[in-house]
C-alpha atoms as a PDB file:
ATOM      1  CA  UNK A   1       0.094   0.377   0.258  1.00  0.00           C
ATOM      2  CA  UNK A   2       1.238   3.346  -0.781  1.00  0.00           C
ATOM      3  CA  UNK A   3      -0.514   5.205   1.771  1.00  0.00           C
ATOM      4  CA  UNK A   4       0.575   5.586   5.591  1.00  0.00           C
ATOM      5  CA  UNK A   5      -0.912   6.598   8.391  1.00  0.00           C
ATOM      6  CA  UNK A   6       0.440   9.771  10.517  1.00  0.00           C
ATOM      7  CA  UNK A   7      -1.432  10.526  13.749  1.00  0.00           C
ATOM      8  CA  UNK A   8       0.732  14.088  14.261  1.00  0.00           C
ATOM      9  CA  UNK A   9       1.237  16.244  11.701  1.00  0.00           C
ATOM     10  CA  UNK A  10       4.800  18.159  12.246  1.00  0.00           C
ATOM     11  CA  UNK A  11       3.706  20.698   9.564  1.00  0.00           C
ATOM     12  CA  UNK A  12       0.746  21.699  11.259  1.00  0.00           C
ATOM     13  CA  UNK A  13       2.412  22.256  14.689  1.00  0.00           C
ATOM     14  CA  UNK A  14       4.861  24.420  13.025  1.00  0.00           C
ATOM     15  CA  UNK A  15       2.296  26.842  11.446  1.00  0.00           C
ATOM     16  CA  UNK A  16       0.081  26.771  14.844  1.00  0.00           C
ATOM     17  CA  UNK A  17      -2.555  24.445  14.056  1.00  0.00           C
ATOM     18  CA  UNK A  18      -4.058  22.722  16.868  1.00  0.00           C
ATOM     19  CA  UNK A  19      -5.569  19.438  16.161  1.00  0.00           C
ATOM     20  CA  UNK A  20      -7.030  16.727  18.074  1.00  0.00           C
ATOM     21  CA  UNK A  21      -5.323  13.346  17.001  1.00  0.00           C
ATOM     22  CA  UNK A  22      -6.350  12.603  13.515  1.00  0.00           C
ATOM     23  CA  UNK A  23      -5.256  10.239  10.841  1.00  0.00           C
ATOM     24  CA  UNK A  24      -4.167  11.583   7.531  1.00  0.00           C
ATOM     25  CA  UNK A  25      -3.118   9.211   4.584  1.00  0.00           C
ATOM     26  CA  UNK A  26      -0.282  10.262   3.009  1.00  0.00           C
ATOM     27  CA  UNK A  27       0.832   8.788  -0.194  1.00  0.00           C
ATOM     28  CA  UNK A  28       3.946   9.215  -2.335  1.00  0.00           C
ATOM     29  CA  UNK A  29       3.263  10.626  -6.071  1.00  0.00           C
ATOM     30  CA  UNK A  30       6.389   8.833  -7.386  1.00  0.00           C
ATOM     31  CA  UNK A  31       4.631   5.358  -6.457  1.00  0.00           C
ATOM     32  CA  UNK A  32       2.970   3.241  -8.622  1.00  0.00           C
ATOM     33  CA  UNK A  33      -0.917   3.076  -8.546  1.00  0.00           C
ATOM     34  CA  UNK A  34      -1.069   6.140  -6.183  1.00  0.00           C
ATOM     35  CA  UNK A  35      -4.246   7.354  -8.032  1.00  0.00           C
ATOM     36  CA  UNK A  36      -5.909   4.189  -7.360  1.00  0.00           C
ATOM     37  CA  UNK A  37      -5.039   3.660  -3.722  1.00  0.00           C
ATOM     38  CA  UNK A  38      -6.280   7.245  -2.852  1.00  0.00           C
ATOM     39  CA  UNK A  39      -9.281   6.597  -4.617  1.00  0.00           C
ATOM     40  CA  UNK A  40      -9.882   3.527  -2.511  1.00  0.00           C
ATOM     41  CA  UNK A  41     -10.225   6.317   0.444  1.00  0.00           C
ATOM     42  CA  UNK A  42     -11.234   8.752  -1.280  1.00  0.00           C
ATOM     43  CA  UNK A  43     -14.430   6.648  -2.316  1.00  0.00           C
ATOM     44  CA  UNK A  44     -15.354   5.856   1.166  1.00  0.00           C
ATOM     45  CA  UNK A  45     -15.505   9.202   2.090  1.00  0.00           C
ATOM     46  CA  UNK A  46     -17.721  10.582  -0.594  1.00  0.00           C
ATOM     47  CA  UNK A  47     -21.118   8.790   0.499  1.00  0.00           C
ATOM     48  CA  UNK A  48     -22.615  11.905   0.410  1.00  0.00           C
ATOM     49  CA  UNK A  49     -23.499  14.949  -2.038  1.00  0.00           C
ATOM     50  CA  UNK A  50     -19.847  16.763  -2.473  1.00  0.00           C
ATOM     51  CA  UNK A  51     -18.469  19.826  -4.044  1.00  0.00           C
ATOM     52  CA  UNK A  52     -14.674  20.071  -4.894  1.00  0.00           C
ATOM     53  CA  UNK A  53     -12.953  23.542  -3.961  1.00  0.00           C
ATOM     54  CA  UNK A  54      -9.830  23.883  -5.549  1.00  0.00           C
ATOM     55  CA  UNK A  55      -7.632  26.378  -3.768  1.00  0.00           C
ATOM     56  CA  UNK A  56      -4.575  28.724  -5.210  1.00  0.00           C
ATOM     57  CA  UNK A  57      -3.720  31.064  -8.316  1.00  0.00           C
ATOM     58  CA  UNK A  58      -1.868  30.371 -11.135  1.00  0.00           C
ATOM     59  CA  UNK A  59       0.029  33.149 -10.745  1.00  0.00           C
ATOM     60  CA  UNK A  60       2.689  31.148  -8.820  1.00  0.00           C
ATOM     61  CA  UNK A  61       4.074  27.776  -9.729  1.00  0.00           C
ATOM     62  CA  UNK A  62       4.104  26.909  -6.142  1.00  0.00           C
ATOM     63  CA  UNK A  63       0.439  27.512  -5.278  1.00  0.00           C
ATOM     64  CA  UNK A  64      -0.927  26.627  -8.647  1.00  0.00           C
ATOM     65  CA  UNK A  65      -1.944  22.686  -7.576  1.00  0.00           C
ATOM     66  CA  UNK A  66      -5.439  23.315  -6.897  1.00  0.00           C
ATOM     67  CA  UNK A  67      -6.100  25.207 -10.012  1.00  0.00           C
ATOM     68  CA  UNK A  68      -4.922  22.804 -11.928  1.00  0.00           C
ATOM     69  CA  UNK A  69      -6.697  20.043 -10.304  1.00  0.00           C
ATOM     70  CA  UNK A  70      -9.938  21.955 -11.022  1.00  0.00           C
ATOM     71  CA  UNK A  71      -8.919  22.826 -14.469  1.00  0.00           C
ATOM     72  CA  UNK A  72      -8.564  18.904 -15.140  1.00  0.00           C
ATOM     73  CA  UNK A  73     -11.705  17.693 -13.353  1.00  0.00           C
ATOM     74  CA  UNK A  74     -13.596  20.426 -15.335  1.00  0.00           C
ATOM     75  CA  UNK A  75     -11.911  18.802 -18.709  1.00  0.00           C
ATOM     76  CA  UNK A  76     -13.072  15.573 -17.422  1.00  0.00           C
ATOM     77  CA  UNK A  77     -16.649  16.960 -17.661  1.00  0.00           C
ATOM     78  CA  UNK A  78     -17.045  15.148 -14.306  1.00  0.00           C
ATOM     79  CA  UNK A  79     -20.965  15.365 -12.857  1.00  0.00           C
ATOM     80  CA  UNK A  80     -20.338  17.001  -9.813  1.00  0.00           C
ATOM     81  CA  UNK A  81     -19.890  20.787  -8.780  1.00  0.00           C
ATOM     82  CA  UNK A  82     -16.022  21.937  -9.217  1.00  0.00           C
ATOM     83  CA  UNK A  83     -15.051  25.396  -8.276  1.00  0.00           C
ATOM     84  CA  UNK A  84     -11.523  26.871  -8.884  1.00  0.00           C
ATOM     85  CA  UNK A  85      -9.709  26.522 -11.779  1.00  0.00           C
ATOM     86  CA  UNK A  86      -6.869  28.238 -13.678  1.00  0.00           C
ATOM     87  CA  UNK A  87      -9.195  30.395 -15.440  1.00  0.00           C
ATOM     88  CA  UNK A  88     -11.607  30.914 -12.329  1.00  0.00           C
ATOM     89  CA  UNK A  89      -9.117  30.492  -9.304  1.00  0.00           C
ATOM     90  CA  UNK A  90     -10.335  30.351  -5.652  1.00  0.00           C
ATOM     91  CA  UNK A  91      -7.558  32.287  -3.692  1.00  0.00           C
ATOM     92  CA  UNK A  92      -6.754  34.868  -0.781  1.00  0.00           C
ATOM     93  CA  UNK A  93      -8.508  37.672  -2.151  1.00  0.00           C
ATOM     94  CA  UNK A  94     -12.155  35.950  -3.255  1.00  0.00           C
ATOM     95  CA  UNK A  95     -11.964  33.051  -0.752  1.00  0.00           C
ATOM     96  CA  UNK A  96     -14.727  34.385   1.710  1.00  0.00           C
ATOM     97  CA  UNK A  97     -16.733  35.490  -1.118  1.00  0.00           C
ATOM     98  CA  UNK A  98     -16.875  32.179  -2.587  1.00  0.00           C
ATOM     99  CA  UNK A  99     -17.139  30.286   0.689  1.00  0.00           C
ATOM    100  CA  UNK A 100     -20.557  32.138   1.111  1.00  0.00           C
ATOM    101  CA  UNK A 101     -21.679  31.373  -2.412  1.00  0.00           C
ATOM    102  CA  UNK A 102     -21.286  27.778  -1.954  1.00  0.00           C
ATOM    103  CA  UNK A 103     -22.797  27.510   1.636  1.00  0.00           C
ATOM    104  CA  UNK A 104     -25.922  29.234  -0.094  1.00  0.00           C
ATOM    105  CA  UNK A 105     -25.750  27.168  -2.920  1.00  0.00           C
ATOM    106  CA  UNK A 106     -24.819  23.945  -1.835  1.00  0.00           C
ATOM    107  CA  UNK A 107     -25.825  23.745   2.081  1.00  0.00           C
ATOM    108  CA  UNK A 108     -25.858  20.118   2.331  1.00  0.00           C
ATOM    109  CA  UNK A 109     -22.927  19.257   0.701  1.00  0.00           C
ATOM    110  CA  UNK A 110     -19.568  18.172   1.897  1.00  0.00           C
ATOM    111  CA  UNK A 111     -16.791  20.151   0.635  1.00  0.00           C
ATOM    112  CA  UNK A 112     -13.708  18.463  -0.397  1.00  0.00           C
ATOM    113  CA  UNK A 113     -10.748  21.069  -0.527  1.00  0.00           C
ATOM    114  CA  UNK A 114      -7.691  20.742  -2.276  1.00  0.00           C
ATOM    115  CA  UNK A 115      -4.729  22.851  -1.930  1.00  0.00           C
ATOM    116  CA  UNK A 116      -0.565  22.906  -2.409  1.00  0.00           C
ATOM    117  CA  UNK A 117       1.054  22.965   1.088  1.00  0.00           C
ATOM    118  CA  UNK A 118       4.698  23.560   2.555  1.00  0.00           C
ATOM    119  CA  UNK A 119       5.720  20.706   4.645  1.00  0.00           C
ATOM    120  CA  UNK A 120       8.845  18.967   6.259  1.00  0.00           C
ATOM    121  CA  UNK A 121      11.437  17.954   3.763  1.00  0.00           C
ATOM    122  CA  UNK A 122      10.865  14.405   3.462  1.00  0.00           C
ATOM    123  CA  UNK A 123       7.010  15.310   2.870  1.00  0.00           C
ATOM    124  CA  UNK A 124       7.822  17.117  -0.104  1.00  0.00           C
ATOM    125  CA  UNK A 125       5.869  15.125  -3.130  1.00  0.00           C
ATOM    126  CA  UNK A 126       3.216  13.690  -1.115  1.00  0.00           C
ATOM    127  CA  UNK A 127      -0.314  13.937  -1.203  1.00  0.00           C
ATOM    128  CA  UNK A 128      -2.198  13.962   2.131  1.00  0.00           C
ATOM    129  CA  UNK A 129      -6.048  13.023   2.567  1.00  0.00           C
ATOM    130  CA  UNK A 130      -7.619  13.689   6.085  1.00  0.00           C
ATOM    131  CA  UNK A 131     -10.965  14.338   7.410  1.00  0.00           C
ATOM    132  CA  UNK A 132     -11.162  18.270   8.398  1.00  0.00           C
ATOM    133  CA  UNK A 133     -10.502  21.534   6.573  1.00  0.00           C
ATOM    134  CA  UNK A 134      -7.508  22.840   4.752  1.00  0.00           C
ATOM    135  CA  UNK A 135      -5.973  26.056   6.238  1.00  0.00           C
ATOM    136  CA  UNK A 136      -5.184  28.206   3.346  1.00  0.00           C
ATOM    137  CA  UNK A 137      -2.476  30.631   3.259  1.00  0.00           C
ATOM    138  CA  UNK A 138      -1.040  29.671   6.785  1.00  0.00           C
ATOM    139  CA  UNK A 139       2.053  28.622   5.668  1.00  0.00           C
ATOM    140  CA  UNK A 140       2.590  32.269   4.306  1.00  0.00           C
ATOM    141  CA  UNK A 141       1.035  33.983   7.390  1.00  0.00           C
ATOM    142  CA  UNK A 142      -2.020  34.611   5.757  1.00  0.00           C
ATOM    143  CA  UNK A 143      -5.499  34.332   8.073  1.00  0.00           C
ATOM    144  CA  UNK A 144      -7.877  32.887   5.878  1.00  0.00           C
ATOM    145  CA  UNK A 145     -10.997  30.867   7.169  1.00  0.00           C
ATOM    146  CA  UNK A 146     -10.458  27.117   7.266  1.00  0.00           C
ATOM    147  CA  UNK A 147     -12.039  25.228   4.128  1.00  0.00           C
ATOM    148  CA  UNK A 148     -13.678  21.804   3.575  1.00  0.00           C
ATOM    149  CA  UNK A 149     -15.119  18.749   5.453  1.00  0.00           C
ATOM    150  CA  UNK A 150     -12.087  16.680   3.890  1.00  0.00           C
ATOM    151  CA  UNK A 151      -8.592  17.934   2.799  1.00  0.00           C
ATOM    152  CA  UNK A 152      -6.331  16.869  -0.127  1.00  0.00           C
ATOM    153  CA  UNK A 153      -3.239  18.567   0.359  1.00  0.00           C
ATOM    154  CA  UNK A 154       0.045  18.418  -2.191  1.00  0.00           C
ATOM    155  CA  UNK A 155       3.304  19.324  -0.204  1.00  0.00           C
ATOM    156  CA  UNK A 156       4.961  21.072  -2.796  1.00  0.00           C
ATOM    157  CA  UNK A 157       7.973  22.828  -1.015  1.00  0.00           C
ATOM    158  CA  UNK A 158       9.624  22.711   2.442  1.00  0.00           C
ATOM    159  CA  UNK A 159       8.420  24.812   5.217  1.00  0.00           C
ATOM    160  CA  UNK A 160      12.188  24.910   6.310  1.00  0.00           C
ATOM    161  CA  UNK A 161      13.453  26.736   3.374  1.00  0.00           C
ATOM    162  CA  UNK A 162      10.455  28.960   2.676  1.00  0.00           C
ATOM    163  CA  UNK A 163      10.906  32.304   1.920  1.00  0.00           C
ATOM    164  CA  UNK A 164       8.773  34.760  -0.076  1.00  0.00           C
ATOM    165  CA  UNK A 165      11.185  34.044  -3.317  1.00  0.00           C
ATOM    166  CA  UNK A 166      11.322  30.005  -2.691  1.00  0.00           C
ATOM    167  CA  UNK A 167       7.256  29.640  -3.651  1.00  0.00           C
ATOM    168  CA  UNK A 168       8.134  30.667  -6.927  1.00  0.00           C
ATOM    169  CA  UNK A 169      11.002  28.334  -7.242  1.00  0.00           C
ATOM    170  CA  UNK A 170       8.622  24.815  -7.166  1.00  0.00           C
ATOM    171  CA  UNK A 171       9.061  22.905 -10.190  1.00  0.00           C
ATOM    172  CA  UNK A 172       6.211  23.048 -12.340  1.00  0.00           C
ATOM    173  CA  UNK A 173       7.099  19.498 -12.976  1.00  0.00           C
ATOM    174  CA  UNK A 174       6.106  18.274  -9.699  1.00  0.00           C
ATOM    175  CA  UNK A 175       3.001  20.397  -9.416  1.00  0.00           C
ATOM    176  CA  UNK A 176       1.614  19.103 -12.505  1.00  0.00           C
ATOM    177  CA  UNK A 177       2.482  15.217 -11.606  1.00  0.00           C
ATOM    178  CA  UNK A 178       0.806  15.895  -8.305  1.00  0.00           C
ATOM    179  CA  UNK A 179      -2.348  17.423 -10.221  1.00  0.00           C
ATOM    180  CA  UNK A 180      -2.726  14.517 -12.162  1.00  0.00           C
ATOM    181  CA  UNK A 181      -2.370  12.019  -9.403  1.00  0.00           C
ATOM    182  CA  UNK A 182      -5.034  13.988  -7.401  1.00  0.00           C
ATOM    183  CA  UNK A 183      -7.213  14.389 -10.568  1.00  0.00           C
ATOM    184  CA  UNK A 184      -6.986  10.792 -11.639  1.00  0.00           C
ATOM    185  CA  UNK A 185      -7.857   9.463  -7.831  1.00  0.00           C
ATOM    186  CA  UNK A 186     -11.197  11.803  -7.783  1.00  0.00           C
ATOM    187  CA  UNK A 187     -12.102  10.486 -10.995  1.00  0.00           C
ATOM    188  CA  UNK A 188     -11.744   7.055 -10.357  1.00  0.00           C
ATOM    189  CA  UNK A 189     -13.110   7.618  -6.804  1.00  0.00           C
ATOM    190  CA  UNK A 190     -16.222   8.995  -8.294  1.00  0.00           C
ATOM    191  CA  UNK A 191     -16.970   6.642 -11.602  1.00  0.00           C
ATOM    192  CA  UNK A 192     -17.614   2.892 -11.667  1.00  0.00           C
ATOM    193  CA  UNK A 193     -14.154   1.825 -12.298  1.00  0.00           C
ATOM    194  CA  UNK A 194     -12.777  -1.684 -11.220  1.00  0.00           C
ATOM    195  CA  UNK A 195      -9.941  -1.437  -8.968  1.00  0.00           C
ATOM    196  CA  UNK A 196      -7.510  -3.751  -8.098  1.00  0.00           C
ATOM    197  CA  UNK A 197      -6.111  -3.893  -4.778  1.00  0.00           C
END
């Protein structure tokens, strides 16, 4: 199995996010069958109506993971709502407005939030899935509302070496590879596809 469990997320602790004990499923993007493995756990969590909210901006490679996933899902013509694409991103400036809209339009839907994150050096290139919200902008000192009932987080860079210029030096190939894995896992989880485990 590609995923492993973690009970304390050190990246969250470093950012001042306090959580009760929880489980994150962590997947290495480079492992074979990552999309299929992640999709199995996603499928178990998607038993009620949901909306996919992809957070980030196309103006910064390190923060473009969410909009790339949103763009990919929209191009697949999926039959569930997807918000946040490279053409219509959800980011720090419009996040509150979009969340307000989504609560009115989809009051009974769970939100699956997708975002890029900073983490410890060993977690760069991993995708984390867990119950609970994402805290957008926390790694760069922004105070934004939490988003999501479930979180899909791609760790694109290390928090240890983060500076205002490093987020612009994240490799596009890493972000695109993570976006493909997340897109495929969501697609597999939401379509009648036979998965071998």
